[in-house]
C-alpha atoms as a PDB file:
ATOM      1  CA  MET A   1     162.633  39.221 158.666  1.00  0.00           C
ATOM      2  CA  THR A   2     164.657  42.809 159.188  1.00  0.00           C
ATOM      3  CA  TYR A   3     167.904  43.198 160.905  1.00  0.00           C
ATOM      4  CA  PRO A   4     168.399  46.699 162.939  1.00  0.00           C
ATOM      5  CA  ALA A   5     171.590  48.960 161.612  1.00  0.00           C
ATOM      6  CA  GLU A   6     171.680  46.380 158.777  1.00  0.00           C
ATOM      7  CA  PRO A   7     173.683  48.469 156.032  1.00  0.00           C
ATOM      8  CA  ILE A   8     171.852  48.527 152.934  1.00  0.00           C
ATOM      9  CA  GLU A   9     174.036  46.805 150.851  1.00  0.00           C
ATOM     10  CA  LEU A  10     174.059  43.178 153.117  1.00  0.00           C
ATOM     11  CA  ARG A  11     170.363  43.426 153.182  1.00  0.00           C
ATOM     12  CA  ARG A  12     170.798  43.220 148.913  1.00  0.00           C
ATOM     13  CA  LYS A  13     173.090  40.158 149.216  1.00  0.00           C
ATOM     14  CA  ARG A  14     170.719  38.677 151.677  1.00  0.00           C
ATOM     15  CA  LEU A  15     167.713  39.307 149.720  1.00  0.00           C
ATOM     16  CA  LEU A  16     169.391  37.587 146.997  1.00  0.00           C
ATOM     17  CA  TRP A  17     169.902  34.913 148.519  1.00  0.00           C
ATOM     18  CA  ARG A  18     167.051  34.562 149.938  1.00  0.00           C
ATOM     19  CA  SER A  19     165.164  35.134 146.972  1.00  0.00           C
ATOM     20  CA  SER A  20     166.930  32.617 144.651  1.00  0.00           C
ATOM     21  CA  HIS A  21     166.485  29.722 147.830  1.00  0.00           C
ATOM     22  CA  ARG A  22     163.093  29.883 148.456  1.00  0.00           C
ATOM     23  CA  GLY A  23     162.622  25.767 148.056  1.00  0.00           C
ATOM     24  CA  ILE A  24     160.532  25.630 144.360  1.00  0.00           C
ATOM     25  CA  ARG A  25     163.146  25.823 141.677  1.00  0.00           C
ATOM     26  CA  GLU A  26     160.560  27.656 139.699  1.00  0.00           C
ATOM     27  CA  MET A  27     160.188  30.318 142.051  1.00  0.00           C
ATOM     28  CA  ASP A  28     164.105  30.379 142.352  1.00  0.00           C
ATOM     29  CA  LEU A  29     164.700  31.307 139.573  1.00  0.00           C
ATOM     30  CA  PHE A  30     161.295  33.683 139.337  1.00  0.00           C
ATOM     31  CA  MET A  31     162.269  35.775 142.525  1.00  0.00           C
ATOM     32  CA  GLY A  32     166.196  35.058 142.090  1.00  0.00           C
ATOM     33  CA  SER A  33     165.555  36.921 138.346  1.00  0.00           C
ATOM     34  CA  PHE A  34     163.700  39.886 139.334  1.00  0.00           C
ATOM     35  CA  ALA A  35     165.550  40.226 142.264  1.00  0.00           C
ATOM     36  CA  GLN A  36     168.819  40.412 140.490  1.00  0.00           C
ATOM     37  CA  THR A  37     167.003  42.951 137.673  1.00  0.00           C
ATOM     38  CA  ARG A  38     165.692  44.874 140.505  1.00  0.00           C
ATOM     39  CA  LEU A  39     167.344  45.397 143.857  1.00  0.00           C
ATOM     40  CA  PRO A  40     170.245  47.016 143.041  1.00  0.00           C
ATOM     41  CA  THR A  41     167.877  50.174 142.588  1.00  0.00           C
ATOM     42  CA  MET A  42     165.622  49.442 145.251  1.00  0.00           C
ATOM     43  CA  THR A  43     164.685  52.074 147.925  1.00  0.00           C
ATOM     44  CA  GLU A  44     164.428  50.968 151.998  1.00  0.00           C
ATOM     45  CA  SER A  45     160.553  50.853 151.286  1.00  0.00           C
ATOM     46  CA  GLU A  46     160.896  48.610 147.895  1.00  0.00           C
ATOM     47  CA  LEU A  47     163.128  46.494 150.406  1.00  0.00           C
ATOM     48  CA  SER A  48     161.228  45.759 152.942  1.00  0.00           C
ATOM     49  CA  ALA A  49     158.381  45.322 150.495  1.00  0.00           C
ATOM     50  CA  PHE A  50     160.116  42.800 149.011  1.00  0.00           C
ATOM     51  CA  GLU A  51     161.242  41.078 152.133  1.00  0.00           C
ATOM     52  CA  GLY A  52     157.412  40.958 153.175  1.00  0.00           C
ATOM     53  CA  LEU A  53     156.754  39.100 149.945  1.00  0.00           C
ATOM     54  CA  ILE A  54     159.907  36.897 150.234  1.00  0.00           C
ATOM     55  CA  ASP A  55     158.183  34.944 153.659  1.00  0.00           C
ATOM     56  CA  LEU A  56     155.016  34.295 151.680  1.00  0.00           C
ATOM     57  CA  PRO A  57     154.528  30.944 150.571  1.00  0.00           C
ATOM     58  CA  ASP A  58     155.903  29.926 147.402  1.00  0.00           C
ATOM     59  CA  GLN A  59     152.472  28.647 145.741  1.00  0.00           C
ATOM     60  CA  GLU A  60     150.862  31.669 147.067  1.00  0.00           C
ATOM     61  CA  LEU A  61     153.029  33.291 145.193  1.00  0.00           C
ATOM     62  CA  LEU A  62     153.400  31.088 141.931  1.00  0.00           C
ATOM     63  CA  SER A  63     149.704  31.154 142.211  1.00  0.00           C
ATOM     64  CA  TRP A  64     149.069  34.710 141.624  1.00  0.00           C
ATOM     65  CA  ILE A  65     152.341  34.683 139.194  1.00  0.00           C
ATOM     66  CA  THR A  66     150.552  32.603 136.861  1.00  0.00           C
ATOM     67  CA  GLY A  67     146.623  33.789 137.399  1.00  0.00           C
ATOM     68  CA  GLU A  68     145.416  31.115 138.864  1.00  0.00           C
ATOM     69  CA  ALA A  69     144.384  32.331 141.961  1.00  0.00           C
ATOM     70  CA  ALA A  70     143.875  36.728 142.685  1.00  0.00           C
ATOM     71  CA  VAL A  71     145.820  38.411 145.035  1.00  0.00           C
ATOM     72  CA  PRO A  72     143.899  39.782 148.490  1.00  0.00           C
ATOM     73  CA  SER A  73     143.436  43.553 148.487  1.00  0.00           C
ATOM     74  CA  THR A  74     145.069  43.645 151.741  1.00  0.00           C
ATOM     75  CA  LEU A  75     148.505  42.371 150.168  1.00  0.00           C
ATOM     76  CA  SER A  76     148.292  44.790 147.196  1.00  0.00           C
ATOM     77  CA  ASN A  77     151.267  46.995 146.005  1.00  0.00           C
ATOM     78  CA  ALA A  78     153.258  48.691 143.199  1.00  0.00           C
ATOM     79  CA  LEU A  79     155.903  46.647 144.390  1.00  0.00           C
ATOM     80  CA  LEU A  80     154.161  43.314 143.992  1.00  0.00           C
ATOM     81  CA  SER A  81     152.108  44.662 140.699  1.00  0.00           C
ATOM     82  CA  GLU A  82     155.452  45.166 139.174  1.00  0.00           C
ATOM     83  CA  LEU A  83     156.847  41.415 140.450  1.00  0.00           C
ATOM     84  CA  LEU A  84     153.914  40.451 138.541  1.00  0.00           C
ATOM     85  CA  LYS A  85     154.290  41.653 135.218  1.00  0.00           C
ATOM     86  CA  PHE A  86     157.684  40.970 135.380  1.00  0.00           C
ATOM     87  CA  ARG A  87     159.341  38.382 132.887  1.00  0.00           C
ATOM     88  CA  PRO A  88     163.166  37.184 132.743  1.00  0.00           C
END
């Protein structure tokens, strides 16, 4: 979900909060750590890609992170690859 004319720093703060409050504690920790590390340097297009990742269900993302399932080619992008390689 994007907000029109939202200042970039406010957008980053919103994404950090959403990353750390997902529902599954493991995903809160993982996504929150990734967001703390990467959000400050993300470009506008990377922020949009990250918003798309945050909107995905926890179980789906977790299965990709743990390697239990392959990422569908339609969802694969550079930011998701970086996320999958990330280790807090």
